[in-house]
Amino acid sequence: VIGVGVNERKKYMYSAEVRVKVIAE
C-alpha cells in the first residue's frame, strides 16, 4: 500500500488528488 501523506501544515507542489492519481496510473 503506497500511502500518500497529506499534512495541512505543509505546502505541496501537487495536490493529494494529483499525486494519488499519478501513482495509481
PDBML (XML) file of the C-alpha atoms, coordinates in Angstrom:
<?xml version="1.0" encoding="UTF-8" ?>
<PDBx:datablock datablockName="MODEL"
   xmlns:PDBx="http://pdbml.pdb.org/schema/pdbx-v50.xsd"
   xmlns:xsi="http://www.w3.org/2001/XMLSchema-instance"
   xsi:schemaLocation="http://pdbml.pdb.org/schema/pdbx-v50.xsd pdbx-v50.xsd">
   <PDBx:atom_siteCategory>
      <PDBx:atom_site id="1">
         <PDBx:B_iso_or_equiv>0.00</PDBx:B_iso_or_equiv>
         <PDBx:Cartn_x>0.000</PDBx:Cartn_x>
         <PDBx:Cartn_y>0.000</PDBx:Cartn_y>
         <PDBx:Cartn_z>0.000</PDBx:Cartn_z>
         <PDBx:auth_asym_id>A</PDBx:auth_asym_id>
         <PDBx:auth_atom_id>CA</PDBx:auth_atom_id>
         <PDBx:auth_comp_id>VAL</PDBx:auth_comp_id>
         <PDBx:auth_seq_id>1</PDBx:auth_seq_id>
         <PDBx:group_PDB>ATOM</PDBx:group_PDB>
         <PDBx:label_alt_id xsi:nil="true" />
         <PDBx:label_asym_id>A</PDBx:label_asym_id>
         <PDBx:label_atom_id>CA</PDBx:label_atom_id>
         <PDBx:label_comp_id>VAL</PDBx:label_comp_id>
         <PDBx:label_entity_id>1</PDBx:label_entity_id>
         <PDBx:label_seq_id>1</PDBx:label_seq_id>
         <PDBx:occupancy>1.00</PDBx:occupancy>
         <PDBx:pdbx_PDB_model_num>1</PDBx:pdbx_PDB_model_num>
         <PDBx:type_symbol>C</PDBx:type_symbol>
      </PDBx:atom_site>
      <PDBx:atom_site id="2">
         <PDBx:B_iso_or_equiv>0.00</PDBx:B_iso_or_equiv>
         <PDBx:Cartn_x>1.525</PDBx:Cartn_x>
         <PDBx:Cartn_y>3.309</PDBx:Cartn_y>
         <PDBx:Cartn_z>-1.097</PDBx:Cartn_z>
         <PDBx:auth_asym_id>A</PDBx:auth_asym_id>
         <PDBx:auth_atom_id>CA</PDBx:auth_atom_id>
         <PDBx:auth_comp_id>ILE</PDBx:auth_comp_id>
         <PDBx:auth_seq_id>2</PDBx:auth_seq_id>
         <PDBx:group_PDB>ATOM</PDBx:group_PDB>
         <PDBx:label_alt_id xsi:nil="true" />
         <PDBx:label_asym_id>A</PDBx:label_asym_id>
         <PDBx:label_atom_id>CA</PDBx:label_atom_id>
         <PDBx:label_comp_id>ILE</PDBx:label_comp_id>
         <PDBx:label_entity_id>1</PDBx:label_entity_id>
         <PDBx:label_seq_id>2</PDBx:label_seq_id>
         <PDBx:occupancy>1.00</PDBx:occupancy>
         <PDBx:pdbx_PDB_model_num>1</PDBx:pdbx_PDB_model_num>
         <PDBx:type_symbol>C</PDBx:type_symbol>
      </PDBx:atom_site>
      <PDBx:atom_site id="3">
         <PDBx:B_iso_or_equiv>0.00</PDBx:B_iso_or_equiv>
         <PDBx:Cartn_x>0.363</PDBx:Cartn_x>
         <PDBx:Cartn_y>5.889</PDBx:Cartn_y>
         <PDBx:Cartn_z>1.431</PDBx:Cartn_z>
         <PDBx:auth_asym_id>A</PDBx:auth_asym_id>
         <PDBx:auth_atom_id>CA</PDBx:auth_atom_id>
         <PDBx:auth_comp_id>GLY</PDBx:auth_comp_id>
         <PDBx:auth_seq_id>3</PDBx:auth_seq_id>
         <PDBx:group_PDB>ATOM</PDBx:group_PDB>
         <PDBx:label_alt_id xsi:nil="true" />
         <PDBx:label_asym_id>A</PDBx:label_asym_id>
         <PDBx:label_atom_id>CA</PDBx:label_atom_id>
         <PDBx:label_comp_id>GLY</PDBx:label_comp_id>
         <PDBx:label_entity_id>1</PDBx:label_entity_id>
         <PDBx:label_seq_id>3</PDBx:label_seq_id>
         <PDBx:occupancy>1.00</PDBx:occupancy>
         <PDBx:pdbx_PDB_model_num>1</PDBx:pdbx_PDB_model_num>
         <PDBx:type_symbol>C</PDBx:type_symbol>
      </PDBx:atom_site>
      <PDBx:atom_site id="4">
         <PDBx:B_iso_or_equiv>0.00</PDBx:B_iso_or_equiv>
         <PDBx:Cartn_x>0.364</PDBx:Cartn_x>
         <PDBx:Cartn_y>9.470</PDBx:Cartn_y>
         <PDBx:Cartn_z>0.140</PDBx:Cartn_z>
         <PDBx:auth_asym_id>A</PDBx:auth_asym_id>
         <PDBx:auth_atom_id>CA</PDBx:auth_atom_id>
         <PDBx:auth_comp_id>VAL</PDBx:auth_comp_id>
         <PDBx:auth_seq_id>4</PDBx:auth_seq_id>
         <PDBx:group_PDB>ATOM</PDBx:group_PDB>
         <PDBx:label_alt_id xsi:nil="true" />
         <PDBx:label_asym_id>A</PDBx:label_asym_id>
         <PDBx:label_atom_id>CA</PDBx:label_atom_id>
         <PDBx:label_comp_id>VAL</PDBx:label_comp_id>
         <PDBx:label_entity_id>1</PDBx:label_entity_id>
         <PDBx:label_seq_id>4</PDBx:label_seq_id>
         <PDBx:occupancy>1.00</PDBx:occupancy>
         <PDBx:pdbx_PDB_model_num>1</PDBx:pdbx_PDB_model_num>
         <PDBx:type_symbol>C</PDBx:type_symbol>
      </PDBx:atom_site>
      <PDBx:atom_site id="5">
         <PDBx:B_iso_or_equiv>0.00</PDBx:B_iso_or_equiv>
         <PDBx:Cartn_x>0.715</PDBx:Cartn_x>
         <PDBx:Cartn_y>11.733</PDBx:Cartn_y>
         <PDBx:Cartn_z>3.148</PDBx:Cartn_z>
         <PDBx:auth_asym_id>A</PDBx:auth_asym_id>
         <PDBx:auth_atom_id>CA</PDBx:auth_atom_id>
         <PDBx:auth_comp_id>GLY</PDBx:auth_comp_id>
         <PDBx:auth_seq_id>5</PDBx:auth_seq_id>
         <PDBx:group_PDB>ATOM</PDBx:group_PDB>
         <PDBx:label_alt_id xsi:nil="true" />
         <PDBx:label_asym_id>A</PDBx:label_asym_id>
         <PDBx:label_atom_id>CA</PDBx:label_atom_id>
         <PDBx:label_comp_id>GLY</PDBx:label_comp_id>
         <PDBx:label_entity_id>1</PDBx:label_entity_id>
         <PDBx:label_seq_id>5</PDBx:label_seq_id>
         <PDBx:occupancy>1.00</PDBx:occupancy>
         <PDBx:pdbx_PDB_model_num>1</PDBx:pdbx_PDB_model_num>
         <PDBx:type_symbol>C</PDBx:type_symbol>
      </PDBx:atom_site>
      <PDBx:atom_site id="6">
         <PDBx:B_iso_or_equiv>0.00</PDBx:B_iso_or_equiv>
         <PDBx:Cartn_x>-1.364</PDBx:Cartn_x>
         <PDBx:Cartn_y>14.897</PDBx:Cartn_y>
         <PDBx:Cartn_z>3.482</PDBx:Cartn_z>
         <PDBx:auth_asym_id>A</PDBx:auth_asym_id>
         <PDBx:auth_atom_id>CA</PDBx:auth_atom_id>
         <PDBx:auth_comp_id>VAL</PDBx:auth_comp_id>
         <PDBx:auth_seq_id>6</PDBx:auth_seq_id>
         <PDBx:group_PDB>ATOM</PDBx:group_PDB>
         <PDBx:label_alt_id xsi:nil="true" />
         <PDBx:label_asym_id>A</PDBx:label_asym_id>
         <PDBx:label_atom_id>CA</PDBx:label_atom_id>
         <PDBx:label_comp_id>VAL</PDBx:label_comp_id>
         <PDBx:label_entity_id>1</PDBx:label_entity_id>
         <PDBx:label_seq_id>6</PDBx:label_seq_id>
         <PDBx:occupancy>1.00</PDBx:occupancy>
         <PDBx:pdbx_PDB_model_num>1</PDBx:pdbx_PDB_model_num>
         <PDBx:type_symbol>C</PDBx:type_symbol>
      </PDBx:atom_site>
      <PDBx:atom_site id="7">
         <PDBx:B_iso_or_equiv>0.00</PDBx:B_iso_or_equiv>
         <PDBx:Cartn_x>-0.174</PDBx:Cartn_x>
         <PDBx:Cartn_y>17.426</PDBx:Cartn_y>
         <PDBx:Cartn_z>6.063</PDBx:Cartn_z>
         <PDBx:auth_asym_id>A</PDBx:auth_asym_id>
         <PDBx:auth_atom_id>CA</PDBx:auth_atom_id>
         <PDBx:auth_comp_id>ASN</PDBx:auth_comp_id>
         <PDBx:auth_seq_id>7</PDBx:auth_seq_id>
         <PDBx:group_PDB>ATOM</PDBx:group_PDB>
         <PDBx:label_alt_id xsi:nil="true" />
         <PDBx:label_asym_id>A</PDBx:label_asym_id>
         <PDBx:label_atom_id>CA</PDBx:label_atom_id>
         <PDBx:label_comp_id>ASN</PDBx:label_comp_id>
         <PDBx:label_entity_id>1</PDBx:label_entity_id>
         <PDBx:label_seq_id>7</PDBx:label_seq_id>
         <PDBx:occupancy>1.00</PDBx:occupancy>
         <PDBx:pdbx_PDB_model_num>1</PDBx:pdbx_PDB_model_num>
         <PDBx:type_symbol>C</PDBx:type_symbol>
      </PDBx:atom_site>
      <PDBx:atom_site id="8">
         <PDBx:B_iso_or_equiv>0.00</PDBx:B_iso_or_equiv>
         <PDBx:Cartn_x>-2.205</PDBx:Cartn_x>
         <PDBx:Cartn_y>20.631</PDBx:Cartn_y>
         <PDBx:Cartn_z>6.240</PDBx:Cartn_z>
         <PDBx:auth_asym_id>A</PDBx:auth_asym_id>
         <PDBx:auth_atom_id>CA</PDBx:auth_atom_id>
         <PDBx:auth_comp_id>GLU</PDBx:auth_comp_id>
         <PDBx:auth_seq_id>8</PDBx:auth_seq_id>
         <PDBx:group_PDB>ATOM</PDBx:group_PDB>
         <PDBx:label_alt_id xsi:nil="true" />
         <PDBx:label_asym_id>A</PDBx:label_asym_id>
         <PDBx:label_atom_id>CA</PDBx:label_atom_id>
         <PDBx:label_comp_id>GLU</PDBx:label_comp_id>
         <PDBx:label_entity_id>1</PDBx:label_entity_id>
         <PDBx:label_seq_id>8</PDBx:label_seq_id>
         <PDBx:occupancy>1.00</PDBx:occupancy>
         <PDBx:pdbx_PDB_model_num>1</PDBx:pdbx_PDB_model_num>
         <PDBx:type_symbol>C</PDBx:type_symbol>
      </PDBx:atom_site>
      <PDBx:atom_site id="9">
         <PDBx:B_iso_or_equiv>0.00</PDBx:B_iso_or_equiv>
         <PDBx:Cartn_x>0.812</PDBx:Cartn_x>
         <PDBx:Cartn_y>22.446</PDBx:Cartn_y>
         <PDBx:Cartn_z>7.688</PDBx:Cartn_z>
         <PDBx:auth_asym_id>A</PDBx:auth_asym_id>
         <PDBx:auth_atom_id>CA</PDBx:auth_atom_id>
         <PDBx:auth_comp_id>ARG</PDBx:auth_comp_id>
         <PDBx:auth_seq_id>9</PDBx:auth_seq_id>
         <PDBx:group_PDB>ATOM</PDBx:group_PDB>
         <PDBx:label_alt_id xsi:nil="true" />
         <PDBx:label_asym_id>A</PDBx:label_asym_id>
         <PDBx:label_atom_id>CA</PDBx:label_atom_id>
         <PDBx:label_comp_id>ARG</PDBx:label_comp_id>
         <PDBx:label_entity_id>1</PDBx:label_entity_id>
         <PDBx:label_seq_id>9</PDBx:label_seq_id>
         <PDBx:occupancy>1.00</PDBx:occupancy>
         <PDBx:pdbx_PDB_model_num>1</PDBx:pdbx_PDB_model_num>
         <PDBx:type_symbol>C</PDBx:type_symbol>
      </PDBx:atom_site>
      <PDBx:atom_site id="10">
         <PDBx:B_iso_or_equiv>0.00</PDBx:B_iso_or_equiv>
         <PDBx:Cartn_x>2.916</PDBx:Cartn_x>
         <PDBx:Cartn_y>21.636</PDBx:Cartn_y>
         <PDBx:Cartn_z>4.636</PDBx:Cartn_z>
         <PDBx:auth_asym_id>A</PDBx:auth_asym_id>
         <PDBx:auth_atom_id>CA</PDBx:auth_atom_id>
         <PDBx:auth_comp_id>LYS</PDBx:auth_comp_id>
         <PDBx:auth_seq_id>10</PDBx:auth_seq_id>
         <PDBx:group_PDB>ATOM</PDBx:group_PDB>
         <PDBx:label_alt_id xsi:nil="true" />
         <PDBx:label_asym_id>A</PDBx:label_asym_id>
         <PDBx:label_atom_id>CA</PDBx:label_atom_id>
         <PDBx:label_comp_id>LYS</PDBx:label_comp_id>
         <PDBx:label_entity_id>1</PDBx:label_entity_id>
         <PDBx:label_seq_id>10</PDBx:label_seq_id>
         <PDBx:occupancy>1.00</PDBx:occupancy>
         <PDBx:pdbx_PDB_model_num>1</PDBx:pdbx_PDB_model_num>
         <PDBx:type_symbol>C</PDBx:type_symbol>
      </PDBx:atom_site>
      <PDBx:atom_site id="11">
         <PDBx:B_iso_or_equiv>0.00</PDBx:B_iso_or_equiv>
         <PDBx:Cartn_x>2.823</PDBx:Cartn_x>
         <PDBx:Cartn_y>23.212</PDBx:Cartn_y>
         <PDBx:Cartn_z>1.179</PDBx:Cartn_z>
         <PDBx:auth_asym_id>A</PDBx:auth_asym_id>
         <PDBx:auth_atom_id>CA</PDBx:auth_atom_id>
         <PDBx:auth_comp_id>LYS</PDBx:auth_comp_id>
         <PDBx:auth_seq_id>11</PDBx:auth_seq_id>
         <PDBx:group_PDB>ATOM</PDBx:group_PDB>
         <PDBx:label_alt_id xsi:nil="true" />
         <PDBx:label_asym_id>A</PDBx:label_asym_id>
         <PDBx:label_atom_id>CA</PDBx:label_atom_id>
         <PDBx:label_comp_id>LYS</PDBx:label_comp_id>
         <PDBx:label_entity_id>1</PDBx:label_entity_id>
         <PDBx:label_seq_id>11</PDBx:label_seq_id>
         <PDBx:occupancy>1.00</PDBx:occupancy>
         <PDBx:pdbx_PDB_model_num>1</PDBx:pdbx_PDB_model_num>
         <PDBx:type_symbol>C</PDBx:type_symbol>
      </PDBx:atom_site>
      <PDBx:atom_site id="12">
         <PDBx:B_iso_or_equiv>0.00</PDBx:B_iso_or_equiv>
         <PDBx:Cartn_x>2.869</PDBx:Cartn_x>
         <PDBx:Cartn_y>20.876</PDBx:Cartn_y>
         <PDBx:Cartn_z>-1.817</PDBx:Cartn_z>
         <PDBx:auth_asym_id>A</PDBx:auth_asym_id>
         <PDBx:auth_atom_id>CA</PDBx:auth_atom_id>
         <PDBx:auth_comp_id>TYR</PDBx:auth_comp_id>
         <PDBx:auth_seq_id>12</PDBx:auth_seq_id>
         <PDBx:group_PDB>ATOM</PDBx:group_PDB>
         <PDBx:label_alt_id xsi:nil="true" />
         <PDBx:label_asym_id>A</PDBx:label_asym_id>
         <PDBx:label_atom_id>CA</PDBx:label_atom_id>
         <PDBx:label_comp_id>TYR</PDBx:label_comp_id>
         <PDBx:label_entity_id>1</PDBx:label_entity_id>
         <PDBx:label_seq_id>12</PDBx:label_seq_id>
         <PDBx:occupancy>1.00</PDBx:occupancy>
         <PDBx:pdbx_PDB_model_num>1</PDBx:pdbx_PDB_model_num>
         <PDBx:type_symbol>C</PDBx:type_symbol>
      </PDBx:atom_site>
      <PDBx:atom_site id="13">
         <PDBx:B_iso_or_equiv>0.00</PDBx:B_iso_or_equiv>
         <PDBx:Cartn_x>3.602</PDBx:Cartn_x>
         <PDBx:Cartn_y>21.383</PDBx:Cartn_y>
         <PDBx:Cartn_z>-5.490</PDBx:Cartn_z>
         <PDBx:auth_asym_id>A</PDBx:auth_asym_id>
         <PDBx:auth_atom_id>CA</PDBx:auth_atom_id>
         <PDBx:auth_comp_id>MET</PDBx:auth_comp_id>
         <PDBx:auth_seq_id>13</PDBx:auth_seq_id>
         <PDBx:group_PDB>ATOM</PDBx:group_PDB>
         <PDBx:label_alt_id xsi:nil="true" />
         <PDBx:label_asym_id>A</PDBx:label_asym_id>
         <PDBx:label_atom_id>CA</PDBx:label_atom_id>
         <PDBx:label_comp_id>MET</PDBx:label_comp_id>
         <PDBx:label_entity_id>1</PDBx:label_entity_id>
         <PDBx:label_seq_id>13</PDBx:label_seq_id>
         <PDBx:occupancy>1.00</PDBx:occupancy>
         <PDBx:pdbx_PDB_model_num>1</PDBx:pdbx_PDB_model_num>
         <PDBx:type_symbol>C</PDBx:type_symbol>
      </PDBx:atom_site>
      <PDBx:atom_site id="14">
         <PDBx:B_iso_or_equiv>0.00</PDBx:B_iso_or_equiv>
         <PDBx:Cartn_x>0.908</PDBx:Cartn_x>
         <PDBx:Cartn_y>18.854</PDBx:Cartn_y>
         <PDBx:Cartn_z>-6.433</PDBx:Cartn_z>
         <PDBx:auth_asym_id>A</PDBx:auth_asym_id>
         <PDBx:auth_atom_id>CA</PDBx:auth_atom_id>
         <PDBx:auth_comp_id>TYR</PDBx:auth_comp_id>
         <PDBx:auth_seq_id>14</PDBx:auth_seq_id>
         <PDBx:group_PDB>ATOM</PDBx:group_PDB>
         <PDBx:label_alt_id xsi:nil="true" />
         <PDBx:label_asym_id>A</PDBx:label_asym_id>
         <PDBx:label_atom_id>CA</PDBx:label_atom_id>
         <PDBx:label_comp_id>TYR</PDBx:label_comp_id>
         <PDBx:label_entity_id>1</PDBx:label_entity_id>
         <PDBx:label_seq_id>14</PDBx:label_seq_id>
         <PDBx:occupancy>1.00</PDBx:occupancy>
         <PDBx:pdbx_PDB_model_num>1</PDBx:pdbx_PDB_model_num>
         <PDBx:type_symbol>C</PDBx:type_symbol>
      </PDBx:atom_site>
      <PDBx:atom_site id="15">
         <PDBx:B_iso_or_equiv>0.00</PDBx:B_iso_or_equiv>
         <PDBx:Cartn_x>-2.408</PDBx:Cartn_x>
         <PDBx:Cartn_y>18.226</PDBx:Cartn_y>
         <PDBx:Cartn_z>-4.721</PDBx:Cartn_z>
         <PDBx:auth_asym_id>A</PDBx:auth_asym_id>
         <PDBx:auth_atom_id>CA</PDBx:auth_atom_id>
         <PDBx:auth_comp_id>SER</PDBx:auth_comp_id>
         <PDBx:auth_seq_id>15</PDBx:auth_seq_id>
         <PDBx:group_PDB>ATOM</PDBx:group_PDB>
         <PDBx:label_alt_id xsi:nil="true" />
         <PDBx:label_asym_id>A</PDBx:label_asym_id>
         <PDBx:label_atom_id>CA</PDBx:label_atom_id>
         <PDBx:label_comp_id>SER</PDBx:label_comp_id>
         <PDBx:label_entity_id>1</PDBx:label_entity_id>
         <PDBx:label_seq_id>15</PDBx:label_seq_id>
         <PDBx:occupancy>1.00</PDBx:occupancy>
         <PDBx:pdbx_PDB_model_num>1</PDBx:pdbx_PDB_model_num>
         <PDBx:type_symbol>C</PDBx:type_symbol>
      </PDBx:atom_site>
      <PDBx:atom_site id="16">
         <PDBx:B_iso_or_equiv>0.00</PDBx:B_iso_or_equiv>
         <PDBx:Cartn_x>-3.090</PDBx:Cartn_x>
         <PDBx:Cartn_y>14.940</PDBx:Cartn_y>
         <PDBx:Cartn_z>-2.980</PDBx:Cartn_z>
         <PDBx:auth_asym_id>A</PDBx:auth_asym_id>
         <PDBx:auth_atom_id>CA</PDBx:auth_atom_id>
         <PDBx:auth_comp_id>ALA</PDBx:auth_comp_id>
         <PDBx:auth_seq_id>16</PDBx:auth_seq_id>
         <PDBx:group_PDB>ATOM</PDBx:group_PDB>
         <PDBx:label_alt_id xsi:nil="true" />
         <PDBx:label_asym_id>A</PDBx:label_asym_id>
         <PDBx:label_atom_id>CA</PDBx:label_atom_id>
         <PDBx:label_comp_id>ALA</PDBx:label_comp_id>
         <PDBx:label_entity_id>1</PDBx:label_entity_id>
         <PDBx:label_seq_id>16</PDBx:label_seq_id>
         <PDBx:occupancy>1.00</PDBx:occupancy>
         <PDBx:pdbx_PDB_model_num>1</PDBx:pdbx_PDB_model_num>
         <PDBx:type_symbol>C</PDBx:type_symbol>
      </PDBx:atom_site>
      <PDBx:atom_site id="17">
         <PDBx:B_iso_or_equiv>0.00</PDBx:B_iso_or_equiv>
         <PDBx:Cartn_x>-5.571</PDBx:Cartn_x>
         <PDBx:Cartn_y>14.044</PDBx:Cartn_y>
         <PDBx:Cartn_z>-5.715</PDBx:Cartn_z>
         <PDBx:auth_asym_id>A</PDBx:auth_asym_id>
         <PDBx:auth_atom_id>CA</PDBx:auth_atom_id>
         <PDBx:auth_comp_id>GLU</PDBx:auth_comp_id>
         <PDBx:auth_seq_id>17</PDBx:auth_seq_id>
         <PDBx:group_PDB>ATOM</PDBx:group_PDB>
         <PDBx:label_alt_id xsi:nil="true" />
         <PDBx:label_asym_id>A</PDBx:label_asym_id>
         <PDBx:label_atom_id>CA</PDBx:label_atom_id>
         <PDBx:label_comp_id>GLU</PDBx:label_comp_id>
         <PDBx:label_entity_id>1</PDBx:label_entity_id>
         <PDBx:label_seq_id>17</PDBx:label_seq_id>
         <PDBx:occupancy>1.00</PDBx:occupancy>
         <PDBx:pdbx_PDB_model_num>1</PDBx:pdbx_PDB_model_num>
         <PDBx:type_symbol>C</PDBx:type_symbol>
      </PDBx:atom_site>
      <PDBx:atom_site id="18">
         <PDBx:B_iso_or_equiv>0.00</PDBx:B_iso_or_equiv>
         <PDBx:Cartn_x>-2.936</PDBx:Cartn_x>
         <PDBx:Cartn_y>14.508</PDBx:Cartn_y>
         <PDBx:Cartn_z>-8.420</PDBx:Cartn_z>
         <PDBx:auth_asym_id>A</PDBx:auth_asym_id>
         <PDBx:auth_atom_id>CA</PDBx:auth_atom_id>
         <PDBx:auth_comp_id>VAL</PDBx:auth_comp_id>
         <PDBx:auth_seq_id>18</PDBx:auth_seq_id>
         <PDBx:group_PDB>ATOM</PDBx:group_PDB>
         <PDBx:label_alt_id xsi:nil="true" />
         <PDBx:label_asym_id>A</PDBx:label_asym_id>
         <PDBx:label_atom_id>CA</PDBx:label_atom_id>
         <PDBx:label_comp_id>VAL</PDBx:label_comp_id>
         <PDBx:label_entity_id>1</PDBx:label_entity_id>
         <PDBx:label_seq_id>18</PDBx:label_seq_id>
         <PDBx:occupancy>1.00</PDBx:occupancy>
         <PDBx:pdbx_PDB_model_num>1</PDBx:pdbx_PDB_model_num>
         <PDBx:type_symbol>C</PDBx:type_symbol>
      </PDBx:atom_site>
      <PDBx:atom_site id="19">
         <PDBx:B_iso_or_equiv>0.00</PDBx:B_iso_or_equiv>
         <PDBx:Cartn_x>-0.257</PDBx:Cartn_x>
         <PDBx:Cartn_y>12.600</PDBx:Cartn_y>
         <PDBx:Cartn_z>-6.507</PDBx:Cartn_z>
         <PDBx:auth_asym_id>A</PDBx:auth_asym_id>
         <PDBx:auth_atom_id>CA</PDBx:auth_atom_id>
         <PDBx:auth_comp_id>ARG</PDBx:auth_comp_id>
         <PDBx:auth_seq_id>19</PDBx:auth_seq_id>
         <PDBx:group_PDB>ATOM</PDBx:group_PDB>
         <PDBx:label_alt_id xsi:nil="true" />
         <PDBx:label_asym_id>A</PDBx:label_asym_id>
         <PDBx:label_atom_id>CA</PDBx:label_atom_id>
         <PDBx:label_comp_id>ARG</PDBx:label_comp_id>
         <PDBx:label_entity_id>1</PDBx:label_entity_id>
         <PDBx:label_seq_id>19</PDBx:label_seq_id>
         <PDBx:occupancy>1.00</PDBx:occupancy>
         <PDBx:pdbx_PDB_model_num>1</PDBx:pdbx_PDB_model_num>
         <PDBx:type_symbol>C</PDBx:type_symbol>
      </PDBx:atom_site>
      <PDBx:atom_site id="20">
         <PDBx:B_iso_or_equiv>0.00</PDBx:B_iso_or_equiv>
         <PDBx:Cartn_x>-2.565</PDBx:Cartn_x>
         <PDBx:Cartn_y>9.639</PDBx:Cartn_y>
         <PDBx:Cartn_z>-5.862</PDBx:Cartn_z>
         <PDBx:auth_asym_id>A</PDBx:auth_asym_id>
         <PDBx:auth_atom_id>CA</PDBx:auth_atom_id>
         <PDBx:auth_comp_id>VAL</PDBx:auth_comp_id>
         <PDBx:auth_seq_id>20</PDBx:auth_seq_id>
         <PDBx:group_PDB>ATOM</PDBx:group_PDB>
         <PDBx:label_alt_id xsi:nil="true" />
         <PDBx:label_asym_id>A</PDBx:label_asym_id>
         <PDBx:label_atom_id>CA</PDBx:label_atom_id>
         <PDBx:label_comp_id>VAL</PDBx:label_comp_id>
         <PDBx:label_entity_id>1</PDBx:label_entity_id>
         <PDBx:label_seq_id>20</PDBx:label_seq_id>
         <PDBx:occupancy>1.00</PDBx:occupancy>
         <PDBx:pdbx_PDB_model_num>1</PDBx:pdbx_PDB_model_num>
         <PDBx:type_symbol>C</PDBx:type_symbol>
      </PDBx:atom_site>
      <PDBx:atom_site id="21">
         <PDBx:B_iso_or_equiv>0.00</PDBx:B_iso_or_equiv>
         <PDBx:Cartn_x>-3.810</PDBx:Cartn_x>
         <PDBx:Cartn_y>9.620</PDBx:Cartn_y>
         <PDBx:Cartn_z>-9.466</PDBx:Cartn_z>
         <PDBx:auth_asym_id>A</PDBx:auth_asym_id>
         <PDBx:auth_atom_id>CA</PDBx:auth_atom_id>
         <PDBx:auth_comp_id>LYS</PDBx:auth_comp_id>
         <PDBx:auth_seq_id>21</PDBx:auth_seq_id>
         <PDBx:group_PDB>ATOM</PDBx:group_PDB>
         <PDBx:label_alt_id xsi:nil="true" />
         <PDBx:label_asym_id>A</PDBx:label_asym_id>
         <PDBx:label_atom_id>CA</PDBx:label_atom_id>
         <PDBx:label_comp_id>LYS</PDBx:label_comp_id>
         <PDBx:label_entity_id>1</PDBx:label_entity_id>
         <PDBx:label_seq_id>21</PDBx:label_seq_id>
         <PDBx:occupancy>1.00</PDBx:occupancy>
         <PDBx:pdbx_PDB_model_num>1</PDBx:pdbx_PDB_model_num>
         <PDBx:type_symbol>C</PDBx:type_symbol>
      </PDBx:atom_site>
      <PDBx:atom_site id="22">
         <PDBx:B_iso_or_equiv>0.00</PDBx:B_iso_or_equiv>
         <PDBx:Cartn_x>-0.305</PDBx:Cartn_x>
         <PDBx:Cartn_y>9.643</PDBx:Cartn_y>
         <PDBx:Cartn_z>-10.986</PDBx:Cartn_z>
         <PDBx:auth_asym_id>A</PDBx:auth_asym_id>
         <PDBx:auth_atom_id>CA</PDBx:auth_atom_id>
         <PDBx:auth_comp_id>VAL</PDBx:auth_comp_id>
         <PDBx:auth_seq_id>22</PDBx:auth_seq_id>
         <PDBx:group_PDB>ATOM</PDBx:group_PDB>
         <PDBx:label_alt_id xsi:nil="true" />
         <PDBx:label_asym_id>A</PDBx:label_asym_id>
         <PDBx:label_atom_id>CA</PDBx:label_atom_id>
         <PDBx:label_comp_id>VAL</PDBx:label_comp_id>
         <PDBx:label_entity_id>1</PDBx:label_entity_id>
         <PDBx:label_seq_id>22</PDBx:label_seq_id>
         <PDBx:occupancy>1.00</PDBx:occupancy>
         <PDBx:pdbx_PDB_model_num>1</PDBx:pdbx_PDB_model_num>
         <PDBx:type_symbol>C</PDBx:type_symbol>
      </PDBx:atom_site>
      <PDBx:atom_site id="23">
         <PDBx:B_iso_or_equiv>0.00</PDBx:B_iso_or_equiv>
         <PDBx:Cartn_x>0.930</PDBx:Cartn_x>
         <PDBx:Cartn_y>6.786</PDBx:Cartn_y>
         <PDBx:Cartn_z>-8.775</PDBx:Cartn_z>
         <PDBx:auth_asym_id>A</PDBx:auth_asym_id>
         <PDBx:auth_atom_id>CA</PDBx:auth_atom_id>
         <PDBx:auth_comp_id>ILE</PDBx:auth_comp_id>
         <PDBx:auth_seq_id>23</PDBx:auth_seq_id>
         <PDBx:group_PDB>ATOM</PDBx:group_PDB>
         <PDBx:label_alt_id xsi:nil="true" />
         <PDBx:label_asym_id>A</PDBx:label_asym_id>
         <PDBx:label_atom_id>CA</PDBx:label_atom_id>
         <PDBx:label_comp_id>ILE</PDBx:label_comp_id>
         <PDBx:label_entity_id>1</PDBx:label_entity_id>
         <PDBx:label_seq_id>23</PDBx:label_seq_id>
         <PDBx:occupancy>1.00</PDBx:occupancy>
         <PDBx:pdbx_PDB_model_num>1</PDBx:pdbx_PDB_model_num>
         <PDBx:type_symbol>C</PDBx:type_symbol>
      </PDBx:atom_site>
      <PDBx:atom_site id="24">
         <PDBx:B_iso_or_equiv>0.00</PDBx:B_iso_or_equiv>
         <PDBx:Cartn_x>-2.251</PDBx:Cartn_x>
         <PDBx:Cartn_y>4.744</PDBx:Cartn_y>
         <PDBx:Cartn_z>-9.214</PDBx:Cartn_z>
         <PDBx:auth_asym_id>A</PDBx:auth_asym_id>
         <PDBx:auth_atom_id>CA</PDBx:auth_atom_id>
         <PDBx:auth_comp_id>ALA</PDBx:auth_comp_id>
         <PDBx:auth_seq_id>24</PDBx:auth_seq_id>
         <PDBx:group_PDB>ATOM</PDBx:group_PDB>
         <PDBx:label_alt_id xsi:nil="true" />
         <PDBx:label_asym_id>A</PDBx:label_asym_id>
         <PDBx:label_atom_id>CA</PDBx:label_atom_id>
         <PDBx:label_comp_id>ALA</PDBx:label_comp_id>
         <PDBx:label_entity_id>1</PDBx:label_entity_id>
         <PDBx:label_seq_id>24</PDBx:label_seq_id>
         <PDBx:occupancy>1.00</PDBx:occupancy>
         <PDBx:pdbx_PDB_model_num>1</PDBx:pdbx_PDB_model_num>
         <PDBx:type_symbol>C</PDBx:type_symbol>
      </PDBx:atom_site>
      <PDBx:atom_site id="25">
         <PDBx:B_iso_or_equiv>0.00</PDBx:B_iso_or_equiv>
         <PDBx:Cartn_x>-1.955</PDBx:Cartn_x>
         <PDBx:Cartn_y>5.026</PDBx:Cartn_y>
         <PDBx:Cartn_z>-13.002</PDBx:Cartn_z>
         <PDBx:auth_asym_id>A</PDBx:auth_asym_id>
         <PDBx:auth_atom_id>CA</PDBx:auth_atom_id>
         <PDBx:auth_comp_id>GLU</PDBx:auth_comp_id>
         <PDBx:auth_seq_id>25</PDBx:auth_seq_id>
         <PDBx:group_PDB>ATOM</PDBx:group_PDB>
         <PDBx:label_alt_id xsi:nil="true" />
         <PDBx:label_asym_id>A</PDBx:label_asym_id>
         <PDBx:label_atom_id>CA</PDBx:label_atom_id>
         <PDBx:label_comp_id>GLU</PDBx:label_comp_id>
         <PDBx:label_entity_id>1</PDBx:label_entity_id>
         <PDBx:label_seq_id>25</PDBx:label_seq_id>
         <PDBx:occupancy>1.00</PDBx:occupancy>
         <PDBx:pdbx_PDB_model_num>1</PDBx:pdbx_PDB_model_num>
         <PDBx:type_symbol>C</PDBx:type_symbol>
      </PDBx:atom_site>
   </PDBx:atom_siteCategory>
</PDBx:datablock>
